[in-house]
PDB file of N, CA and C in Angstrom:
ATOM      1  N   MET A   1       2.702  -9.087   9.059  1.00  0.00           N
ATOM      2  CA  MET A   1       2.961  -7.904   8.433  1.00  0.00           C
ATOM      3  C   MET A   1       1.925  -7.570   7.400  1.00  0.00           C
ATOM      4  N   HIS A   2       0.758  -6.690   7.528  1.00  0.00           N
ATOM      5  CA  HIS A   2      -0.162  -6.774   6.626  1.00  0.00           C
ATOM      6  C   HIS A   2      -0.254  -5.297   6.148  1.00  0.00           C
ATOM      7  N   PHE A   3      -0.632  -5.360   4.771  1.00  0.00           N
ATOM      8  CA  PHE A   3      -0.487  -4.223   3.843  1.00  0.00           C
ATOM      9  C   PHE A   3      -1.832  -4.143   3.223  1.00  0.00           C
ATOM     10  N   LYS A   4      -2.468  -2.557   2.979  1.00  0.00           N
ATOM     11  CA  LYS A   4      -3.206  -2.545   1.748  1.00  0.00           C
ATOM     12  C   LYS A   4      -2.954  -1.335   0.871  1.00  0.00           C
ATOM     13  N   LEU A   5      -3.309  -1.846  -0.343  1.00  0.00           N
ATOM     14  CA  LEU A   5      -2.781  -1.194  -1.525  1.00  0.00           C
ATOM     15  C   LEU A   5      -4.207  -0.704  -2.217  1.00  0.00           C
ATOM     16  N   PHE A   6      -4.337   0.798  -2.151  1.00  0.00           N
ATOM     17  CA  PHE A   6      -5.820   1.310  -2.542  1.00  0.00           C
ATOM     18  C   PHE A   6      -5.293   1.566  -4.004  1.00  0.00           C
ATOM     19  N   SER A   7      -5.844   1.030  -4.918  1.00  0.00           N
ATOM     20  CA  SER A   7      -5.640   1.131  -6.340  1.00  0.00           C
ATOM     21  C   SER A   7      -6.960   1.282  -7.166  1.00  0.00           C
ATOM     22  N   ARG A   8      -6.612   1.059  -8.400  1.00  0.00           N
ATOM     23  CA  ARG A   8      -7.703   0.881  -9.397  1.00  0.00           C
ATOM     24  C   ARG A   8      -7.506  -0.087 -10.710  1.00  0.00           C
ATOM     25  N   SER A   9      -8.471  -0.387 -11.229  1.00  0.00           N
ATOM     26  CA  SER A   9      -7.844  -1.334 -12.154  1.00  0.00           C
ATOM     27  C   SER A   9      -7.494  -1.005 -13.633  1.00  0.00           C
ATOM     28  N   TYR A  10      -7.086   0.165 -14.019  1.00  0.00           N
ATOM     29  CA  TYR A  10      -6.786   0.671 -15.146  1.00  0.00           C
ATOM     30  C   TYR A  10      -5.418   1.490 -14.865  1.00  0.00           C
ATOM     31  N   CYS A  11      -5.157   1.370 -14.006  1.00  0.00           N
ATOM     32  CA  CYS A  11      -3.888   2.010 -13.232  1.00  0.00           C
ATOM     33  C   CYS A  11      -2.411   1.197 -13.593  1.00  0.00           C
ATOM     34  N   HIS A  12      -1.776   2.078 -14.372  1.00  0.00           N
ATOM     35  CA  HIS A  12      -0.500   1.043 -14.217  1.00  0.00           C
ATOM     36  C   HIS A  12       0.662   1.354 -13.451  1.00  0.00           C
ATOM     37  N   LEU A  13       0.039   2.451 -12.824  1.00  0.00           N
ATOM     38  CA  LEU A  13       0.987   2.820 -11.669  1.00  0.00           C
ATOM     39  C   LEU A  13       0.754   1.947 -10.408  1.00  0.00           C
ATOM     40  N   CYS A  14      -0.293   1.607 -10.048  1.00  0.00           N
ATOM     41  CA  CYS A  14      -0.785   0.546  -8.904  1.00  0.00           C
ATOM     42  C   CYS A  14      -0.293  -0.716  -9.603  1.00  0.00           C
ATOM     43  N   ASP A  15      -0.401  -1.311 -10.909  1.00  0.00           N
ATOM     44  CA  ASP A  15       0.323  -2.562 -10.894  1.00  0.00           C
ATOM     45  C   ASP A  15       1.654  -2.571 -10.744  1.00  0.00           C
ATOM     46  N   ASP A  16       2.591  -1.405 -11.129  1.00  0.00           N
ATOM     47  CA  ASP A  16       3.624  -1.414 -10.613  1.00  0.00           C
ATOM     48  C   ASP A  16       4.306  -1.393  -9.628  1.00  0.00           C
ATOM     49  N   MET A  17       3.565  -0.648  -8.524  1.00  0.00           N
ATOM     50  CA  MET A  17       3.556  -0.717  -7.400  1.00  0.00           C
ATOM     51  C   MET A  17       3.615  -1.850  -6.600  1.00  0.00           C
ATOM     52  N   LEU A  18       2.394  -2.526  -6.916  1.00  0.00           N
ATOM     53  CA  LEU A  18       2.020  -4.124  -6.260  1.00  0.00           C
ATOM     54  C   LEU A  18       3.311  -5.042  -6.834  1.00  0.00           C
ATOM     55  N   VAL A  19       3.667  -4.844  -8.054  1.00  0.00           N
ATOM     56  CA  VAL A  19       5.046  -5.838  -8.322  1.00  0.00           C
ATOM     57  C   VAL A  19       6.448  -5.587  -7.547  1.00  0.00           C
ATOM     58  N   GLN A  20       6.262  -4.146  -7.605  1.00  0.00           N
ATOM     59  CA  GLN A  20       7.802  -3.984  -6.731  1.00  0.00           C
ATOM     60  C   GLN A  20       7.637  -4.109  -5.337  1.00  0.00           C
ATOM     61  N   LEU A  21       6.131  -4.140  -4.853  1.00  0.00           N
ATOM     62  CA  LEU A  21       5.790  -4.448  -3.454  1.00  0.00           C
ATOM     63  C   LEU A  21       6.187  -5.650  -3.134  1.00  0.00           C
ATOM     64  N   ARG A  22       5.955  -6.535  -3.975  1.00  0.00           N
ATOM     65  CA  ARG A  22       6.102  -8.163  -3.893  1.00  0.00           C
ATOM     66  C   ARG A  22       7.608  -8.658  -3.626  1.00  0.00           C
ATOM     67  N   THR A  23       8.071  -7.587  -4.640  1.00  0.00           N
ATOM     68  CA  THR A  23       9.329  -8.096  -4.677  1.00  0.00           C
ATOM     69  C   THR A  23      10.064  -7.886  -3.505  1.00  0.00           C
ATOM     70  N   HIS A  24      10.078  -6.690  -2.788  1.00  0.00           N
ATOM     71  CA  HIS A  24      10.946  -5.859  -1.665  1.00  0.00           C
ATOM     72  C   HIS A  24      10.240  -6.909  -0.436  1.00  0.00           C
ATOM     73  N   LEU A  25       8.802  -7.441  -0.372  1.00  0.00           N
ATOM     74  CA  LEU A  25       8.524  -8.081   1.012  1.00  0.00           C
ATOM     75  C   LEU A  25       8.974  -9.782   0.799  1.00  0.00           C
ATOM     76  N   PRO A  26       9.077 -10.054   2.479  1.00  0.00           N
ATOM     77  CA  PRO A  26       9.057 -11.440   1.925  1.00  0.00           C
ATOM     78  C   PRO A  26       7.708 -12.077   2.224  1.00  0.00           C
ATOM     79  N   SER A  27       7.407 -12.894   1.004  1.00  0.00           N
ATOM     80  CA  SER A  27       5.954 -13.297   1.098  1.00  0.00           C
ATOM     81  C   SER A  27       5.406 -13.845   1.884  1.00  0.00           C
ATOM     82  N   GLN A  28       6.194 -14.798   2.352  1.00  0.00           N
ATOM     83  CA  GLN A  28       5.840 -15.640   3.566  1.00  0.00           C
ATOM     84  C   GLN A  28       5.289 -14.943   4.698  1.00  0.00           C
ATOM     85  N   GLU A  29       5.209 -13.504   4.949  1.00  0.00           N
ATOM     86  CA  GLU A  29       5.465 -12.707   6.303  1.00  0.00           C
ATOM     87  C   GLU A  29       4.814 -11.745   5.836  1.00  0.00           C
ATOM     88  N   ALA A  30       4.244 -11.706   4.924  1.00  0.00           N
ATOM     89  CA  ALA A  30       3.356 -10.053   4.443  1.00  0.00           C
ATOM     90  C   ALA A  30       2.044 -10.456   3.460  1.00  0.00           C
ATOM     91  N   ALA A  31       1.043 -10.106   4.159  1.00  0.00           N
ATOM     92  CA  ALA A  31      -0.448  -9.804   3.380  1.00  0.00           C
ATOM     93  C   ALA A  31      -0.366  -8.460   2.814  1.00  0.00           C
ATOM     94  N   ILE A  32      -0.774  -8.539   1.451  1.00  0.00           N
ATOM     95  CA  ILE A  32      -1.005  -7.085   0.585  1.00  0.00           C
ATOM     96  C   ILE A  32      -2.544  -7.653   0.044  1.00  0.00           C
ATOM     97  N   ASP A  33      -3.604  -6.593   0.742  1.00  0.00           N
ATOM     98  CA  ASP A  33      -4.806  -6.569   0.313  1.00  0.00           C
ATOM     99  C   ASP A  33      -5.047  -5.464  -0.979  1.00  0.00           C
ATOM    100  N   VAL A  34      -5.289  -5.806  -1.766  1.00  0.00           N
ATOM    101  CA  VAL A  34      -5.415  -4.796  -3.207  1.00  0.00           C
ATOM    102  C   VAL A  34      -6.954  -4.390  -3.002  1.00  0.00           C
ATOM    103  N   ILE A  35      -7.291  -3.177  -2.746  1.00  0.00           N
ATOM    104  CA  ILE A  35      -8.287  -2.293  -2.694  1.00  0.00           C
ATOM    105  C   ILE A  35      -8.726  -1.787  -3.893  1.00  0.00           C
ATOM    106  N   ASP A  36      -9.896  -1.751  -4.620  1.00  0.00           N
ATOM    107  CA  ASP A  36     -10.071  -0.925  -5.754  1.00  0.00           C
ATOM    108  C   ASP A  36     -11.018   0.093  -5.112  1.00  0.00           C
ATOM    109  N   VAL A  37     -10.663   1.460  -5.076  1.00  0.00           N
ATOM    110  CA  VAL A  37     -10.912   2.559  -4.555  1.00  0.00           C
ATOM    111  C   VAL A  37     -12.503   2.976  -5.075  1.00  0.00           C
ATOM    112  N   ASP A  38     -12.466   2.405  -6.662  1.00  0.00           N
ATOM    113  CA  ASP A  38     -13.754   3.033  -7.536  1.00  0.00           C
ATOM    114  C   ASP A  38     -15.017   2.004  -7.078  1.00  0.00           C
ATOM    115  N   GLU A  39     -14.768   1.344  -6.185  1.00  0.00           N
ATOM    116  CA  GLU A  39     -16.037   0.370  -5.783  1.00  0.00           C
ATOM    117  C   GLU A  39     -16.589   1.112  -4.602  1.00  0.00           C
ATOM    118  N   ASP A  40     -16.194   1.937  -3.727  1.00  0.00           N
ATOM    119  CA  ASP A  40     -16.761   2.728  -2.430  1.00  0.00           C
ATOM    120  C   ASP A  40     -16.280   3.967  -2.609  1.00  0.00           C
ATOM    121  N   GLU A  41     -17.366   5.105  -3.019  1.00  0.00           N
ATOM    122  CA  GLU A  41     -17.100   6.553  -2.927  1.00  0.00           C
ATOM    123  C   GLU A  41     -16.704   7.085  -1.723  1.00  0.00           C
ATOM    124  N   ASN A  42     -16.632   6.431  -0.689  1.00  0.00           N
ATOM    125  CA  ASN A  42     -15.698   7.098   0.374  1.00  0.00           C
ATOM    126  C   ASN A  42     -14.277   6.995   0.119  1.00  0.00           C
ATOM    127  N   LEU A  43     -13.915   5.918  -0.356  1.00  0.00           N
ATOM    128  CA  LEU A  43     -12.492   5.560  -0.816  1.00  0.00           C
ATOM    129  C   LEU A  43     -12.007   6.466  -1.996  1.00  0.00           C
ATOM    130  N   VAL A  44     -12.994   6.677  -3.234  1.00  0.00           N
ATOM    131  CA  VAL A  44     -13.070   7.625  -3.818  1.00  0.00           C
ATOM    132  C   VAL A  44     -12.295   8.832  -3.299  1.00  0.00           C
ATOM    133  N   ALA A  45     -13.293   9.405  -2.708  1.00  0.00           N
ATOM    134  CA  ALA A  45     -13.138  10.534  -1.943  1.00  0.00           C
ATOM    135  C   ALA A  45     -11.644  10.791  -1.351  1.00  0.00           C
ATOM    136  N   GLN A  46     -11.410   9.824  -0.433  1.00  0.00           N
ATOM    137  CA  GLN A  46     -10.368   9.989   0.443  1.00  0.00           C
ATOM    138  C   GLN A  46      -8.586  10.007  -0.694  1.00  0.00           C
ATOM    139  N   TYR A  47      -8.714   8.770  -1.438  1.00  0.00           N
ATOM    140  CA  TYR A  47      -7.656   8.423  -2.135  1.00  0.00           C
ATOM    141  C   TYR A  47      -7.737   8.906  -3.911  1.00  0.00           C
ATOM    142  N   ASP A  48      -8.876   9.148  -4.194  1.00  0.00           N
ATOM    143  CA  ASP A  48      -8.649   9.244  -5.745  1.00  0.00           C
ATOM    144  C   ASP A  48      -7.499   9.923  -6.563  1.00  0.00           C
ATOM    145  N   GLU A  49      -6.910  11.220  -6.237  1.00  0.00           N
ATOM    146  CA  GLU A  49      -5.825  11.636  -7.094  1.00  0.00           C
ATOM    147  C   GLU A  49      -4.604  10.873  -6.474  1.00  0.00           C
ATOM    148  N   LEU A  50      -4.630   9.736  -5.622  1.00  0.00           N
ATOM    149  CA  LEU A  50      -3.258   9.346  -4.620  1.00  0.00           C
ATOM    150  C   LEU A  50      -3.051   8.279  -5.225  1.00  0.00           C
ATOM    151  N   VAL A  51      -3.749   7.298  -5.722  1.00  0.00           N
ATOM    152  CA  VAL A  51      -3.979   6.424  -5.881  1.00  0.00           C
ATOM    153  C   VAL A  51      -2.593   6.060  -7.122  1.00  0.00           C
ATOM    154  N   PRO A  52      -1.727   4.839  -6.666  1.00  0.00           N
ATOM    155  CA  PRO A  52      -2.007   4.135  -5.592  1.00  0.00           C
ATOM    156  C   PRO A  52      -1.373   4.217  -4.418  1.00  0.00           C
ATOM    157  N   VAL A  53      -1.936   4.311  -3.035  1.00  0.00           N
ATOM    158  CA  VAL A  53      -1.591   4.180  -1.933  1.00  0.00           C
ATOM    159  C   VAL A  53      -1.300   3.353  -1.103  1.00  0.00           C
ATOM    160  N   LEU A  54      -0.120   3.019  -0.357  1.00  0.00           N
ATOM    161  CA  LEU A  54       0.377   1.945   0.353  1.00  0.00           C
ATOM    162  C   LEU A  54      -0.084   2.357   1.768  1.00  0.00           C
ATOM    163  N   VAL A  55      -0.618   1.377   2.472  1.00  0.00           N
ATOM    164  CA  VAL A  55      -0.668   1.830   3.753  1.00  0.00           C
ATOM    165  C   VAL A  55      -0.100   0.369   4.653  1.00  0.00           C
ATOM    166  N   GLY A  56       0.289   0.396   5.638  1.00  0.00           N
ATOM    167  CA  GLY A  56       0.716  -0.975   6.559  1.00  0.00           C
ATOM    168  C   GLY A  56      -0.161  -0.864   8.125  1.00  0.00           C
ATOM    169  N   LYS A  57      -0.045  -1.922   8.470  1.00  0.00           N
ATOM    170  CA  LYS A  57      -0.621  -2.090   9.830  1.00  0.00           C
ATOM    171  C   LYS A  57       0.357  -1.997  10.591  1.00  0.00           C
ATOM    172  N   LYS A  58       0.648  -1.348  11.787  1.00  0.00           N
ATOM    173  CA  LYS A  58       1.422  -0.727  12.832  1.00  0.00           C
ATOM    174  C   LYS A  58       1.078  -2.390  13.817  1.00  0.00           C
ATOM    175  N   SER A  59       2.217  -2.153  14.664  1.00  0.00           N
ATOM    176  CA  SER A  59       2.252  -3.431  15.612  1.00  0.00           C
ATOM    177  C   SER A  59       1.267  -3.211  17.018  1.00  0.00           C
ATOM    178  N   ASP A  60       0.785  -1.328  16.810  1.00  0.00           N
ATOM    179  CA  ASP A  60      -0.165  -0.952  17.511  1.00  0.00           C
ATOM    180  C   ASP A  60      -1.657  -1.362  17.112  1.00  0.00           C
ATOM    181  N   GLY A  61      -1.792  -2.080  15.719  1.00  0.00           N
ATOM    182  CA  GLY A  61      -3.241  -2.324  15.081  1.00  0.00           C
ATOM    183  C   GLY A  61      -3.679  -1.061  14.413  1.00  0.00           C
ATOM    184  N   GLU A  62      -2.782   0.351  14.704  1.00  0.00           N
ATOM    185  CA  GLU A  62      -3.025   1.316  13.551  1.00  0.00           C
ATOM    186  C   GLU A  62      -2.747   1.287  11.990  1.00  0.00           C
ATOM    187  N   TRP A  63      -3.493   1.695  11.083  1.00  0.00           N
ATOM    188  CA  TRP A  63      -2.918   1.904   9.730  1.00  0.00           C
ATOM    189  C   TRP A  63      -2.099   3.180   9.829  1.00  0.00           C
ATOM    190  N   GLN A  64      -1.011   3.241   8.920  1.00  0.00           N
ATOM    191  CA  GLN A  64      -0.283   4.412   8.416  1.00  0.00           C
ATOM    192  C   GLN A  64       0.104   4.170   7.244  1.00  0.00           C
ATOM    193  N   GLU A  65      -0.106   5.510   6.519  1.00  0.00           N
ATOM    194  CA  GLU A  65       0.299   5.649   5.250  1.00  0.00           C
ATOM    195  C   GLU A  65       1.350   5.923   4.847  1.00  0.00           C
ATOM    196  N   ILE A  66       2.284   4.965   3.783  1.00  0.00           N
ATOM    197  CA  ILE A  66       3.542   4.695   3.498  1.00  0.00           C
ATOM    198  C   ILE A  66       3.830   5.484   2.751  1.00  0.00           C
ATOM    199  N   CYS A  67       3.396   5.810   1.554  1.00  0.00           N
ATOM    200  CA  CYS A  67       3.454   6.139   0.525  1.00  0.00           C
ATOM    201  C   CYS A  67       2.639   6.271  -0.800  1.00  0.00           C
ATOM    202  N   HIS A  68       2.607   7.108  -1.856  1.00  0.00           N
ATOM    203  CA  HIS A  68       1.289   7.014  -3.017  1.00  0.00           C
ATOM    204  C   HIS A  68       2.146   7.237  -4.005  1.00  0.00           C
ATOM    205  N   HIS A  69       1.368   6.993  -5.177  1.00  0.00           N
ATOM    206  CA  HIS A  69       1.932   7.105  -6.561  1.00  0.00           C
ATOM    207  C   HIS A  69       3.182   5.958  -6.735  1.00  0.00           C
ATOM    208  N   PHE A  70       4.113   5.996  -5.667  1.00  0.00           N
ATOM    209  CA  PHE A  70       5.447   5.173  -6.446  1.00  0.00           C
ATOM    210  C   PHE A  70       5.916   4.628  -5.085  1.00  0.00           C
ATOM    211  N   LEU A  71       6.289   3.444  -5.516  1.00  0.00           N
ATOM    212  CA  LEU A  71       6.741   2.782  -4.005  1.00  0.00           C
ATOM    213  C   LEU A  71       8.150   3.446  -3.893  1.00  0.00           C
ATOM    214  N   ASP A  72       7.975   4.064  -2.369  1.00  0.00           N
ATOM    215  CA  ASP A  72       9.157   4.660  -1.742  1.00  0.00           C
ATOM    216  C   ASP A  72      10.038   3.419  -0.795  1.00  0.00           C
ATOM    217  N   LEU A  73      11.017   3.150  -1.444  1.00  0.00           N
ATOM    218  CA  LEU A  73      11.530   2.070  -0.722  1.00  0.00           C
ATOM    219  C   LEU A  73      12.081   2.422   0.267  1.00  0.00           C
ATOM    220  N   LYS A  74      12.669   3.671   0.975  1.00  0.00           N
ATOM    221  CA  LYS A  74      13.118   4.339   1.839  1.00  0.00           C
ATOM    222  C   LYS A  74      12.063   4.144   2.913  1.00  0.00           C
ATOM    223  N   LYS A  75      10.712   4.955   2.696  1.00  0.00           N
ATOM    224  CA  LYS A  75       9.777   5.009   3.915  1.00  0.00           C
ATOM    225  C   LYS A  75       9.119   3.532   3.948  1.00  0.00           C
ATOM    226  N   LEU A  76       8.990   2.680   3.141  1.00  0.00           N
ATOM    227  CA  LEU A  76       8.841   1.275   3.123  1.00  0.00           C
ATOM    228  C   LEU A  76       9.904   0.501   4.253  1.00  0.00           C
ATOM    229  N   SER A  77      11.245   1.013   4.127  1.00  0.00           N
ATOM    230  CA  SER A  77      12.235   0.362   4.705  1.00  0.00           C
ATOM    231  C   SER A  77      12.219   0.853   6.390  1.00  0.00           C
ATOM    232  N   ASP A  78      11.979   2.109   6.345  1.00  0.00           N
ATOM    233  CA  ASP A  78      11.626   2.931   7.577  1.00  0.00           C
ATOM    234  C   ASP A  78      10.365   2.155   8.532  1.00  0.00           C
ATOM    235  N   PHE A  79       9.566   2.208   7.884  1.00  0.00           N
ATOM    236  CA  PHE A  79       8.092   1.289   8.401  1.00  0.00           C
ATOM    237  C   PHE A  79       8.445  -0.059   9.050  1.00  0.00           C
ATOM    238  N   LEU A  80       9.086  -1.180   7.984  1.00  0.00           N
ATOM    239  CA  LEU A  80       9.454  -2.098   8.602  1.00  0.00           C
ATOM    240  C   LEU A  80      10.407  -2.245   9.498  1.00  0.00           C
ATOM    241  N   ASN A  81      11.357  -1.404   9.527  1.00  0.00           N
ATOM    242  CA  ASN A  81      12.348  -0.976  10.610  1.00  0.00           C
ATOM    243  C   ASN A  81      11.883  -0.820  12.069  1.00  0.00           C
ATOM    244  N   ASP A  82      10.651   0.213  11.786  1.00  0.00           N
ATOM    245  CA  ASP A  82       9.805   0.945  13.185  1.00  0.00           C
ATOM    246  C   ASP A  82       8.956  -0.638  13.838  1.00  0.00           C
ATOM    247  N   GLU A  83       8.908  -1.537  13.063  1.00  0.00           N
ATOM    248  CA  GLU A  83       8.062  -2.593  13.248  1.00  0.00           C
ATOM    249  C   GLU A  83       8.370  -3.855  13.947  1.00  0.00           C
ATOM    250  N   ASN A  84      10.035  -3.808  13.802  1.00  0.00           N
ATOM    251  CA  ASN A  84      10.655  -4.656  14.188  1.00  0.00           C
ATOM    252  C   ASN A  84      11.341  -4.797  15.662  1.00  0.00           C
TER     253      ASN A  84
END
């Protein structure tokens, strides 16, 4: 499993989502890349008001947005179940 968390350094919601995500994912099976949107103007344009944004890589290689602002455990569960 591979996830990207689009975040920013001064965002407590981003920190909260990362902690919750690590709690709900089996660490040995999940890679989480934390990407600071403020380091890329294209990412700011895409995600600015939505951060944090969690996306997951599907088995077909496509990235799918799972949730933003807060970790949605139902959507995360649905994503994980669809991939198994």
